[in-house]
Amino acid sequence: MIENDPEVETTEFADLIRGRRAALGLSLNQFEKRAIDPVTGTQVKSGWVYRLESGEPVIPPRRAQLRALREATGLPLDKLQDAAAAQFFGIERVWSESGEASALVRRTERLTQDQREQLLRLIDAFAPPGEGER
């Protein structure tokens, strides 16, 4: 993960929710009715969404709320998590257009330390590290 400049505030999550709600043509009340976590029953209230979209302070969403927002927006949970991490905590995930980089990272976490070192040597053979990497 790469940390953003803490002085620069983002609205990545708010923009994502606002844009998706508009694309779906949902009022705040309609959105609220859809925003229910299927695991816990947690519902994201329209007032919270309004404050988020308006730029007012809100408490960052927890996992159950993110799942509820997934239900309302139809967006992948990891996309919601990434946008929330960027907006609320200044954390930005390194990603690629194809999504392959994220998939590779998730898989490498299951490897042993020795296997990760072997993989890194293999990657270095194809694409040696640039200046400042490693």
C-alpha atoms as a PDB file:
ATOM      1  CA  MET A   1       0.000   0.000   0.000  1.00  0.00           C
ATOM      2  CA  ILE A   2       1.093   3.533  -0.656  1.00  0.00           C
ATOM      3  CA  GLU A   3       0.268   6.291   1.763  1.00  0.00           C
ATOM      4  CA  ASN A   4      -1.113   9.525   0.347  1.00  0.00           C
ATOM      5  CA  ASP A   5      -0.019  12.982   1.425  1.00  0.00           C
ATOM      6  CA  PRO A   6      -1.918  13.467   4.715  1.00  0.00           C
ATOM      7  CA  GLU A   7      -2.498  17.132   3.848  1.00  0.00           C
ATOM      8  CA  VAL A   8      -4.519  16.220   0.757  1.00  0.00           C
ATOM      9  CA  GLU A   9      -8.072  15.119   1.527  1.00  0.00           C
ATOM     10  CA  THR A  10      -9.802  12.868  -0.969  1.00  0.00           C
ATOM     11  CA  THR A  11     -13.471  12.319  -1.578  1.00  0.00           C
ATOM     12  CA  GLU A  12     -12.962   9.087  -3.484  1.00  0.00           C
ATOM     13  CA  PHE A  13     -15.506   7.102  -1.454  1.00  0.00           C
ATOM     14  CA  ALA A  14     -18.117   9.863  -1.412  1.00  0.00           C
ATOM     15  CA  ASP A  15     -17.697  10.364  -5.160  1.00  0.00           C
ATOM     16  CA  LEU A  16     -18.061   6.638  -5.770  1.00  0.00           C
ATOM     17  CA  ILE A  17     -21.277   6.361  -3.729  1.00  0.00           C
ATOM     18  CA  ARG A  18     -22.749   9.585  -5.119  1.00  0.00           C
ATOM     19  CA  GLY A  19     -21.957   8.611  -8.700  1.00  0.00           C
ATOM     20  CA  ARG A  20     -23.299   5.082  -8.373  1.00  0.00           C
ATOM     21  CA  ARG A  21     -26.506   6.197  -6.651  1.00  0.00           C
ATOM     22  CA  ALA A  22     -27.068   8.735  -9.437  1.00  0.00           C
ATOM     23  CA  ALA A  23     -26.335   6.132 -12.135  1.00  0.00           C
ATOM     24  CA  LEU A  24     -28.901   3.804 -10.561  1.00  0.00           C
ATOM     25  CA  GLY A  25     -31.418   6.652 -10.321  1.00  0.00           C
ATOM     26  CA  LEU A  26     -32.066   5.998  -6.628  1.00  0.00           C
ATOM     27  CA  SER A  27     -33.342   8.534  -4.135  1.00  0.00           C
ATOM     28  CA  LEU A  28     -31.753   8.535  -0.708  1.00  0.00           C
ATOM     29  CA  ASN A  29     -34.732   6.615   0.704  1.00  0.00           C
ATOM     30  CA  GLN A  30     -34.623   4.029  -2.098  1.00  0.00           C
ATOM     31  CA  PHE A  31     -30.889   3.635  -1.568  1.00  0.00           C
ATOM     32  CA  GLU A  32     -31.386   3.124   2.175  1.00  0.00           C
ATOM     33  CA  LYS A  33     -33.914   0.339   1.538  1.00  0.00           C
ATOM     34  CA  ARG A  34     -31.314  -1.507  -0.551  1.00  0.00           C
ATOM     35  CA  ALA A  35     -28.353  -0.818   1.780  1.00  0.00           C
ATOM     36  CA  ILE A  36     -28.729  -3.773   4.144  1.00  0.00           C
ATOM     37  CA  ASP A  37     -25.887  -6.150   5.014  1.00  0.00           C
ATOM     38  CA  PRO A  38     -27.073  -9.695   4.258  1.00  0.00           C
ATOM     39  CA  VAL A  39     -24.840 -11.105   7.015  1.00  0.00           C
ATOM     40  CA  THR A  40     -25.743  -8.907  10.006  1.00  0.00           C
ATOM     41  CA  GLY A  41     -28.806  -6.969   8.856  1.00  0.00           C
ATOM     42  CA  THR A  42     -26.951  -3.687   9.403  1.00  0.00           C
ATOM     43  CA  GLN A  43     -28.570  -0.898   7.412  1.00  0.00           C
ATOM     44  CA  VAL A  44     -26.867   2.234   6.134  1.00  0.00           C
ATOM     45  CA  LYS A  45     -29.234   5.121   6.823  1.00  0.00           C
ATOM     46  CA  SER A  46     -30.057   7.781   4.249  1.00  0.00           C
ATOM     47  CA  GLY A  47     -28.875  10.543   6.613  1.00  0.00           C
ATOM     48  CA  TRP A  48     -25.367   9.051   6.707  1.00  0.00           C
ATOM     49  CA  VAL A  49     -25.324   8.801   2.899  1.00  0.00           C
ATOM     50  CA  TYR A  50     -26.536  12.411   2.597  1.00  0.00           C
ATOM     51  CA  ARG A  51     -23.804  13.661   4.938  1.00  0.00           C
ATOM     52  CA  LEU A  52     -21.178  11.596   3.099  1.00  0.00           C
ATOM     53  CA  GLU A  53     -22.233  12.883  -0.316  1.00  0.00           C
ATOM     54  CA  SER A  54     -22.463  16.482   0.979  1.00  0.00           C
ATOM     55  CA  GLY A  55     -18.952  16.431   2.378  1.00  0.00           C
ATOM     56  CA  GLU A  56     -20.063  16.606   5.978  1.00  0.00           C
ATOM     57  CA  PRO A  57     -18.145  14.600   8.593  1.00  0.00           C
ATOM     58  CA  VAL A  58     -19.200  10.961   8.916  1.00  0.00           C
ATOM     59  CA  ILE A  59     -17.916   7.991  10.837  1.00  0.00           C
ATOM     60  CA  PRO A  60     -15.963   5.736   8.460  1.00  0.00           C
ATOM     61  CA  PRO A  61     -17.942   2.647   7.449  1.00  0.00           C
ATOM     62  CA  ARG A  62     -17.192  -0.679   9.068  1.00  0.00           C
ATOM     63  CA  ARG A  63     -17.232  -4.010   7.235  1.00  0.00           C
ATOM     64  CA  ALA A  64     -20.985  -4.593   7.732  1.00  0.00           C
ATOM     65  CA  GLN A  65     -21.752  -1.133   6.382  1.00  0.00           C
ATOM     66  CA  LEU A  66     -19.481  -1.727   3.394  1.00  0.00           C
ATOM     67  CA  ARG A  67     -21.336  -4.967   2.669  1.00  0.00           C
ATOM     68  CA  ALA A  68     -24.626  -3.054   2.918  1.00  0.00           C
ATOM     69  CA  LEU A  69     -23.293  -0.479   0.475  1.00  0.00           C
ATOM     70  CA  ARG A  70     -22.249  -3.318  -1.829  1.00  0.00           C
ATOM     71  CA  GLU A  71     -25.870  -4.486  -1.820  1.00  0.00           C
ATOM     72  CA  ALA A  72     -27.134  -0.990  -2.622  1.00  0.00           C
ATOM     73  CA  THR A  73     -24.584  -0.125  -5.296  1.00  0.00           C
ATOM     74  CA  GLY A  74     -23.825  -3.494  -6.860  1.00  0.00           C
ATOM     75  CA  LEU A  75     -20.125  -2.591  -6.702  1.00  0.00           C
ATOM     76  CA  PRO A  76     -17.462  -5.110  -5.651  1.00  0.00           C
ATOM     77  CA  LEU A  77     -16.616  -5.012  -1.944  1.00  0.00           C
ATOM     78  CA  ASP A  78     -12.893  -4.526  -2.627  1.00  0.00           C
ATOM     79  CA  LYS A  79     -13.623  -1.405  -4.692  1.00  0.00           C
ATOM     80  CA  LEU A  80     -15.672   0.058  -1.835  1.00  0.00           C
ATOM     81  CA  GLN A  81     -12.970  -0.870   0.692  1.00  0.00           C
ATOM     82  CA  ASP A  82     -10.234   0.717  -1.415  1.00  0.00           C
ATOM     83  CA  ALA A  83     -12.183   3.953  -1.880  1.00  0.00           C
ATOM     84  CA  ALA A  84     -13.034   4.131   1.849  1.00  0.00           C
ATOM     85  CA  ALA A  85      -9.400   3.476   2.808  1.00  0.00           C
ATOM     86  CA  ALA A  86      -8.269   6.280   0.505  1.00  0.00           C
ATOM     87  CA  GLN A  87     -10.822   8.802   1.746  1.00  0.00           C
ATOM     88  CA  PHE A  88     -10.868   8.093   5.459  1.00  0.00           C
ATOM     89  CA  PHE A  89      -7.354   6.848   6.152  1.00  0.00           C
ATOM     90  CA  GLY A  90      -5.214   8.224   3.320  1.00  0.00           C
ATOM     91  CA  ILE A  91      -4.286   4.727   2.159  1.00  0.00           C
ATOM     92  CA  GLU A  92      -4.216   3.896  -1.514  1.00  0.00           C
ATOM     93  CA  ARG A  93      -3.878   0.364  -2.816  1.00  0.00           C
ATOM     94  CA  VAL A  94      -1.464  -0.218  -5.649  1.00  0.00           C
ATOM     95  CA  TRP A  95      -3.451  -1.660  -8.530  1.00  0.00           C
ATOM     96  CA  SER A  96      -3.321  -2.268 -12.239  1.00  0.00           C
ATOM     97  CA  GLU A  97      -5.953  -1.632 -14.876  1.00  0.00           C
ATOM     98  CA  SER A  98      -6.439  -5.365 -15.415  1.00  0.00           C
ATOM     99  CA  GLY A  99      -6.654  -6.207 -11.714  1.00  0.00           C
ATOM    100  CA  GLU A 100      -3.907  -8.792 -12.158  1.00  0.00           C
ATOM    101  CA  ALA A 101      -1.564  -7.070  -9.719  1.00  0.00           C
ATOM    102  CA  SER A 102      -4.095  -7.299  -6.882  1.00  0.00           C
ATOM    103  CA  ALA A 103      -4.803 -10.937  -7.693  1.00  0.00           C
ATOM    104  CA  LEU A 104      -1.086 -11.722  -7.623  1.00  0.00           C
ATOM    105  CA  VAL A 105      -0.595  -9.967  -4.308  1.00  0.00           C
ATOM    106  CA  ARG A 106      -3.486 -11.864  -2.701  1.00  0.00           C
ATOM    107  CA  ARG A 107      -2.037 -15.176  -3.915  1.00  0.00           C
ATOM    108  CA  THR A 108       1.504 -14.450  -2.774  1.00  0.00           C
ATOM    109  CA  GLU A 109       0.289 -14.050   0.799  1.00  0.00           C
ATOM    110  CA  ARG A 110      -0.337 -17.814   0.831  1.00  0.00           C
ATOM    111  CA  LEU A 111       3.281 -18.585  -0.127  1.00  0.00           C
ATOM    112  CA  THR A 112       6.069 -19.380   2.293  1.00  0.00           C
ATOM    113  CA  GLN A 113       8.861 -16.858   2.780  1.00  0.00           C
ATOM    114  CA  ASP A 114      11.174 -19.025   0.662  1.00  0.00           C
ATOM    115  CA  GLN A 115       8.600 -19.243  -2.130  1.00  0.00           C
ATOM    116  CA  ARG A 116       8.116 -15.444  -2.086  1.00  0.00           C
ATOM    117  CA  GLU A 117      11.880 -14.928  -2.381  1.00  0.00           C
ATOM    118  CA  GLN A 118      12.012 -17.345  -5.332  1.00  0.00           C
ATOM    119  CA  LEU A 119       9.107 -15.531  -6.980  1.00  0.00           C
ATOM    120  CA  LEU A 120      10.810 -12.174  -6.501  1.00  0.00           C
ATOM    121  CA  ARG A 121      13.987 -13.496  -8.164  1.00  0.00           C
ATOM    122  CA  LEU A 122      11.886 -14.740 -11.069  1.00  0.00           C
ATOM    123  CA  ILE A 123      10.154 -11.371 -11.429  1.00  0.00           C
ATOM    124  CA  ASP A 124      13.534  -9.600 -11.275  1.00  0.00           C
ATOM    125  CA  ALA A 125      14.738 -11.793 -14.165  1.00  0.00           C
ATOM    126  CA  PHE A 126      11.889 -10.525 -16.352  1.00  0.00           C
ATOM    127  CA  ALA A 127      11.610  -6.956 -15.059  1.00  0.00           C
ATOM    128  CA  PRO A 128      14.613  -5.818 -12.991  1.00  0.00           C
ATOM    129  CA  PRO A 129      13.766  -3.286 -10.267  1.00  0.00           C
ATOM    130  CA  GLY A 130      13.968   0.352 -11.229  1.00  0.00           C
ATOM    131  CA  GLU A 131      15.704   3.097  -9.313  1.00  0.00           C
ATOM    132  CA  GLY A 132      14.445   3.363  -5.736  1.00  0.00           C
ATOM    133  CA  GLU A 133      12.631   0.017  -5.809  1.00  0.00           C
ATOM    134  CA  ARG A 134      13.309  -2.865  -3.504  1.00  0.00           C
END
